[in-house]
Amino acid sequence: MDAKKGVLAVVVLFIGFYMFKDPSGLAELASAGAGEGWGLTTQLFEATIRFLNELF
């Protein structure tokens, strides 16, 4: 349990430091991550639909 809190604290500190040093870079990273996440989600749904179509 303590290790989880420690890792969470390190992640929060890193994000805070990154926001302070390069806020536009963090915004670009978040935007790119969201775009890739959406791409993976649509790819998953398309694969699921193809699988169900082949199954039935």
Protein backbone atom coordinates (compact mmCIF):
# COMPACT_ATOMS: atom_id res chain seq x y z
CA MET A 1 0.00 0.00 0.00
CA ASP A 2 2.83 2.41 0.82
CA ALA A 3 4.55 1.70 -2.49
CA LYS A 4 1.41 2.75 -4.37
CA LYS A 5 1.30 6.03 -2.49
CA GLY A 6 4.98 6.60 -3.19
CA VAL A 7 4.60 5.95 -6.90
CA LEU A 8 1.54 8.22 -7.03
CA ALA A 9 3.47 10.98 -5.25
CA VAL A 10 6.38 10.68 -7.71
CA VAL A 11 4.01 10.82 -10.69
CA VAL A 12 2.20 13.88 -9.31
CA LEU A 13 5.52 15.63 -8.62
CA PHE A 14 6.80 14.82 -12.11
CA ILE A 15 3.64 16.17 -13.76
CA GLY A 16 3.82 19.30 -11.60
CA PHE A 17 7.48 19.84 -12.52
CA TYR A 18 6.70 19.25 -16.19
CA MET A 19 3.82 21.77 -16.04
CA PHE A 20 6.14 24.35 -14.47
CA LYS A 21 9.02 23.84 -16.90
CA ASP A 22 7.20 23.26 -20.21
CA PRO A 23 3.42 23.76 -20.08
CA SER A 24 2.99 23.84 -23.86
CA GLY A 25 4.91 20.58 -24.18
CA LEU A 26 2.65 18.96 -21.59
CA ALA A 27 -0.41 20.21 -23.47
CA GLU A 28 0.91 18.76 -26.74
CA LEU A 29 1.69 15.46 -25.01
CA ALA A 30 -1.80 15.27 -23.51
CA SER A 31 -3.40 16.11 -26.86
CA ALA A 32 -1.37 13.49 -28.70
CA GLY A 33 -2.13 10.92 -26.01
CA ALA A 34 -5.85 11.62 -26.22
CA GLY A 35 -5.77 11.34 -30.00
CA GLU A 36 -3.93 8.02 -29.88
CA GLY A 37 -6.29 6.76 -27.20
CA TRP A 38 -9.26 7.59 -29.41
CA GLY A 39 -7.59 5.87 -32.36
CA LEU A 40 -7.02 2.71 -30.33
CA THR A 41 -10.61 2.77 -29.08
CA THR A 42 -12.04 3.01 -32.60
CA GLN A 43 -9.69 0.27 -33.77
CA LEU A 44 -10.90 -1.98 -30.94
CA PHE A 45 -14.57 -1.40 -31.79
CA GLU A 46 -13.95 -2.02 -35.51
CA ALA A 47 -12.17 -5.27 -34.71
CA THR A 48 -15.00 -6.34 -32.38
CA ILE A 49 -17.60 -5.61 -35.07
CA ARG A 50 -15.61 -7.57 -37.68
CA PHE A 51 -15.25 -10.48 -35.26
CA LEU A 52 -18.97 -10.56 -34.49
CA ASN A 53 -19.85 -10.33 -38.19
CA GLU A 54 -17.59 -13.30 -38.95
CA LEU A 55 -18.96 -15.22 -36.01
CA PHE A 56 -22.62 -14.83 -36.95
